[in-house]
Amino acid sequence: MIRLGRVLHISPNRNIIVKAENLPRLGETVVDENLKPIGEIFDIFGPVSSPYVAVKPKISKPESLMDRMVYILPLKKKGEK
C-alpha cells in the first residue's frame, strides 16, 4: 500500500480529485485507510512537480472522503501472482 495523497474535492461529474504525493499509474486501485476499494485512477493532470489525480469512484458517497488520505494498491507486474 502506497500513500497517494489527500482528497481535495469531488468534481461536478462525481470524480474524486486527489493532490498526489506519489505518482501513480492509470488503472491502479485506490483504497482508504482500511484497504476498502474506493475507485480506480483514470486521469493524472496538472504540473509534473505537483500532479493531481482523478479517481472514478466505486462507492455511493464519495463526499465522505473529503480531506482524508487515500492510498493505492500497485498493479501487479506481468508474471507476478
N, C-alpha and C. Protein backbone atom coordinates (compact mmCIF):
# COMPACT_ATOMS: atom_id res chain seq x y z
N MET A 1 0.85 -1.17 0.00
CA MET A 1 0.00 0.00 0.00
C MET A 1 0.90 1.24 0.00
N ILE A 2 0.63 2.15 -0.92
CA ILE A 2 1.42 3.37 -1.06
C ILE A 2 0.50 4.57 -0.88
N ARG A 3 0.94 5.54 -0.12
CA ARG A 3 0.13 6.74 0.10
C ARG A 3 0.01 7.52 -1.21
N LEU A 4 -1.22 7.79 -1.64
CA LEU A 4 -1.45 8.56 -2.86
C LEU A 4 -1.51 10.04 -2.55
N GLY A 5 -2.35 10.43 -1.61
CA GLY A 5 -2.47 11.84 -1.25
C GLY A 5 -3.80 12.12 -0.57
N ARG A 6 -4.12 13.42 -0.45
CA ARG A 6 -5.32 13.85 0.26
C ARG A 6 -6.42 14.23 -0.75
N VAL A 7 -7.64 13.83 -0.44
CA VAL A 7 -8.80 14.16 -1.28
C VAL A 7 -9.09 15.66 -1.12
N LEU A 8 -9.10 16.38 -2.25
CA LEU A 8 -9.36 17.82 -2.23
C LEU A 8 -10.84 18.13 -2.39
N HIS A 9 -11.45 17.54 -3.42
CA HIS A 9 -12.87 17.78 -3.65
C HIS A 9 -13.45 16.74 -4.60
N ILE A 10 -14.75 16.84 -4.80
CA ILE A 10 -15.46 15.97 -5.72
C ILE A 10 -15.85 16.84 -6.91
N SER A 11 -15.50 16.42 -8.11
CA SER A 11 -15.79 17.21 -9.31
C SER A 11 -17.29 17.18 -9.63
N PRO A 12 -17.75 18.10 -10.49
CA PRO A 12 -19.18 18.11 -10.86
C PRO A 12 -19.66 16.78 -11.46
N ASN A 13 -18.76 16.05 -12.12
CA ASN A 13 -19.16 14.75 -12.68
C ASN A 13 -18.86 13.60 -11.72
N ARG A 14 -18.73 13.94 -10.41
CA ARG A 14 -18.63 12.97 -9.31
C ARG A 14 -17.31 12.22 -9.22
N ASN A 15 -16.25 12.74 -9.86
CA ASN A 15 -14.93 12.12 -9.71
C ASN A 15 -14.24 12.68 -8.47
N ILE A 16 -13.41 11.85 -7.86
CA ILE A 16 -12.67 12.24 -6.67
C ILE A 16 -11.34 12.85 -7.12
N ILE A 17 -11.06 14.08 -6.69
CA ILE A 17 -9.81 14.75 -7.07
C ILE A 17 -8.85 14.70 -5.88
N VAL A 18 -7.65 14.17 -6.15
CA VAL A 18 -6.65 13.96 -5.11
C VAL A 18 -5.38 14.72 -5.45
N LYS A 19 -4.81 15.41 -4.47
CA LYS A 19 -3.49 16.05 -4.63
C LYS A 19 -2.45 14.96 -4.40
N ALA A 20 -1.78 14.52 -5.45
CA ALA A 20 -0.89 13.36 -5.38
C ALA A 20 0.45 13.68 -4.72
N GLU A 21 0.86 12.79 -3.83
CA GLU A 21 2.20 12.86 -3.23
C GLU A 21 3.14 11.93 -3.97
N ASN A 22 2.60 10.85 -4.49
CA ASN A 22 3.37 9.87 -5.27
C ASN A 22 2.67 9.69 -6.60
N LEU A 23 3.44 9.57 -7.66
CA LEU A 23 2.86 9.46 -8.99
C LEU A 23 2.37 8.03 -9.23
N PRO A 24 1.07 7.86 -9.43
CA PRO A 24 0.52 6.53 -9.66
C PRO A 24 0.46 6.20 -11.14
N ARG A 25 -0.03 5.02 -11.45
CA ARG A 25 -0.28 4.61 -12.83
C ARG A 25 -1.78 4.58 -13.07
N LEU A 26 -2.16 4.83 -14.31
CA LEU A 26 -3.57 4.74 -14.66
C LEU A 26 -4.06 3.32 -14.41
N GLY A 27 -5.26 3.20 -13.89
CA GLY A 27 -5.85 1.89 -13.65
C GLY A 27 -5.58 1.31 -12.28
N GLU A 28 -4.70 1.94 -11.49
CA GLU A 28 -4.42 1.41 -10.16
C GLU A 28 -5.64 1.61 -9.25
N THR A 29 -5.81 0.69 -8.32
CA THR A 29 -6.93 0.74 -7.38
C THR A 29 -6.60 1.68 -6.23
N VAL A 30 -7.55 2.54 -5.90
CA VAL A 30 -7.40 3.47 -4.79
C VAL A 30 -8.21 2.93 -3.62
N VAL A 31 -7.59 2.93 -2.43
CA VAL A 31 -8.24 2.40 -1.23
C VAL A 31 -8.17 3.43 -0.10
N ASP A 32 -9.03 3.23 0.92
CA ASP A 32 -8.96 4.08 2.10
C ASP A 32 -8.01 3.46 3.12
N GLU A 33 -7.94 4.03 4.32
CA GLU A 33 -7.00 3.52 5.32
C GLU A 33 -7.34 2.11 5.81
N ASN A 34 -8.57 1.66 5.55
CA ASN A 34 -8.99 0.30 5.93
C ASN A 34 -8.86 -0.69 4.79
N LEU A 35 -8.18 -0.29 3.71
CA LEU A 35 -7.99 -1.09 2.50
C LEU A 35 -9.29 -1.37 1.76
N LYS A 36 -10.31 -0.56 1.99
CA LYS A 36 -11.57 -0.70 1.27
C LYS A 36 -11.42 0.01 -0.08
N PRO A 37 -11.64 -0.70 -1.20
CA PRO A 37 -11.52 -0.06 -2.51
C PRO A 37 -12.54 1.07 -2.68
N ILE A 38 -12.06 2.22 -3.12
CA ILE A 38 -12.97 3.35 -3.32
C ILE A 38 -13.05 3.78 -4.78
N GLY A 39 -12.13 3.31 -5.61
CA GLY A 39 -12.18 3.68 -7.01
C GLY A 39 -10.91 3.30 -7.76
N GLU A 40 -10.84 3.82 -8.99
CA GLU A 40 -9.72 3.50 -9.87
C GLU A 40 -9.21 4.78 -10.52
N ILE A 41 -7.90 4.91 -10.63
CA ILE A 41 -7.29 6.10 -11.24
C ILE A 41 -7.54 6.08 -12.74
N PHE A 42 -8.11 7.19 -13.25
CA PHE A 42 -8.33 7.24 -14.69
C PHE A 42 -7.73 8.48 -15.34
N ASP A 43 -7.18 9.42 -14.55
CA ASP A 43 -6.53 10.58 -15.15
C ASP A 43 -5.53 11.18 -14.17
N ILE A 44 -4.43 11.68 -14.73
CA ILE A 44 -3.41 12.39 -13.97
C ILE A 44 -3.21 13.71 -14.69
N PHE A 45 -3.30 14.83 -13.97
CA PHE A 45 -3.21 16.12 -14.64
C PHE A 45 -2.53 17.14 -13.74
N GLY A 46 -2.24 18.31 -14.29
CA GLY A 46 -1.57 19.37 -13.54
C GLY A 46 -0.08 19.36 -13.80
N PRO A 47 0.66 20.20 -13.07
CA PRO A 47 2.10 20.28 -13.28
C PRO A 47 2.81 19.00 -12.86
N VAL A 48 3.89 18.68 -13.54
CA VAL A 48 4.65 17.47 -13.25
C VAL A 48 5.17 17.48 -11.81
N SER A 49 5.55 18.65 -11.33
CA SER A 49 6.10 18.76 -9.98
C SER A 49 5.04 18.63 -8.88
N SER A 50 3.77 18.78 -9.24
CA SER A 50 2.69 18.76 -8.24
C SER A 50 1.40 18.25 -8.88
N PRO A 51 1.35 16.96 -9.24
CA PRO A 51 0.21 16.44 -10.01
C PRO A 51 -1.06 16.22 -9.17
N TYR A 52 -2.16 16.17 -9.89
CA TYR A 52 -3.46 15.83 -9.32
C TYR A 52 -3.93 14.56 -9.99
N VAL A 53 -4.77 13.82 -9.30
CA VAL A 53 -5.27 12.55 -9.81
C VAL A 53 -6.78 12.56 -9.75
N ALA A 54 -7.41 12.10 -10.84
CA ALA A 54 -8.87 11.93 -10.86
C ALA A 54 -9.16 10.45 -10.67
N VAL A 55 -10.03 10.16 -9.72
CA VAL A 55 -10.39 8.78 -9.39
C VAL A 55 -11.86 8.57 -9.72
N LYS A 56 -12.14 7.54 -10.52
CA LYS A 56 -13.52 7.16 -10.83
C LYS A 56 -14.03 6.35 -9.63
N PRO A 57 -15.00 6.91 -8.86
CA PRO A 57 -15.41 6.24 -7.63
C PRO A 57 -16.22 4.97 -7.87
N LYS A 58 -16.05 4.02 -6.95
CA LYS A 58 -16.83 2.78 -6.94
C LYS A 58 -17.68 2.72 -5.68
N ILE A 59 -17.80 3.86 -5.00
CA ILE A 59 -18.60 3.92 -3.78
C ILE A 59 -19.76 4.89 -4.00
N SER A 60 -20.80 4.75 -3.22
CA SER A 60 -22.00 5.56 -3.44
C SER A 60 -21.88 7.00 -2.92
N LYS A 61 -21.06 7.23 -1.89
CA LYS A 61 -20.93 8.58 -1.32
C LYS A 61 -19.47 9.02 -1.27
N PRO A 62 -18.92 9.45 -2.41
CA PRO A 62 -17.51 9.88 -2.40
C PRO A 62 -17.27 11.12 -1.53
N GLU A 63 -18.34 11.88 -1.22
CA GLU A 63 -18.20 13.06 -0.37
C GLU A 63 -17.66 12.71 1.02
N SER A 64 -17.87 11.48 1.44
CA SER A 64 -17.41 11.05 2.77
C SER A 64 -15.88 11.01 2.87
N LEU A 65 -15.20 11.10 1.73
CA LEU A 65 -13.73 11.04 1.71
C LEU A 65 -13.06 12.41 1.76
N MET A 66 -13.85 13.47 1.78
CA MET A 66 -13.29 14.82 1.75
C MET A 66 -12.22 15.00 2.82
N ASP A 67 -11.06 15.52 2.41
CA ASP A 67 -9.94 15.86 3.28
C ASP A 67 -9.32 14.64 3.97
N ARG A 68 -9.56 13.45 3.44
CA ARG A 68 -8.96 12.24 4.01
C ARG A 68 -7.83 11.74 3.12
N MET A 69 -6.92 11.00 3.71
CA MET A 69 -5.80 10.43 2.98
C MET A 69 -6.27 9.15 2.29
N VAL A 70 -5.82 8.96 1.04
CA VAL A 70 -6.13 7.73 0.31
C VAL A 70 -4.83 7.10 -0.17
N TYR A 71 -4.91 5.84 -0.52
CA TYR A 71 -3.73 5.04 -0.85
C TYR A 71 -3.97 4.27 -2.14
N ILE A 72 -2.88 3.73 -2.71
CA ILE A 72 -3.01 2.91 -3.91
C ILE A 72 -2.47 1.52 -3.65
N LEU A 73 -3.07 0.57 -4.35
CA LEU A 73 -2.55 -0.79 -4.37
C LEU A 73 -1.90 -0.93 -5.73
N PRO A 74 -0.58 -1.03 -5.79
CA PRO A 74 0.11 -1.09 -7.08
C PRO A 74 -0.35 -2.26 -7.94
N LEU A 75 -0.38 -2.02 -9.25
CA LEU A 75 -0.71 -3.09 -10.18
C LEU A 75 0.37 -4.15 -10.13
N LYS A 76 -0.02 -5.39 -10.25
CA LYS A 76 0.98 -6.46 -10.30
C LYS A 76 1.65 -6.44 -11.66
N LYS A 77 2.94 -6.69 -11.66
CA LYS A 77 3.69 -6.74 -12.91
C LYS A 77 3.38 -8.05 -13.62
N LYS A 78 3.54 -8.05 -14.92
CA LYS A 78 3.30 -9.27 -15.69
C LYS A 78 4.17 -10.40 -15.14
N GLY A 79 3.56 -11.54 -14.96
CA GLY A 79 4.28 -12.69 -14.46
C GLY A 79 4.18 -12.88 -12.96
N GLU A 80 3.72 -11.84 -12.22
CA GLU A 80 3.55 -11.97 -10.77
C GLU A 80 2.23 -12.63 -10.47
N LYS A 81 2.20 -13.35 -9.37
CA LYS A 81 0.93 -13.98 -8.96
C LYS A 81 0.34 -13.24 -7.80
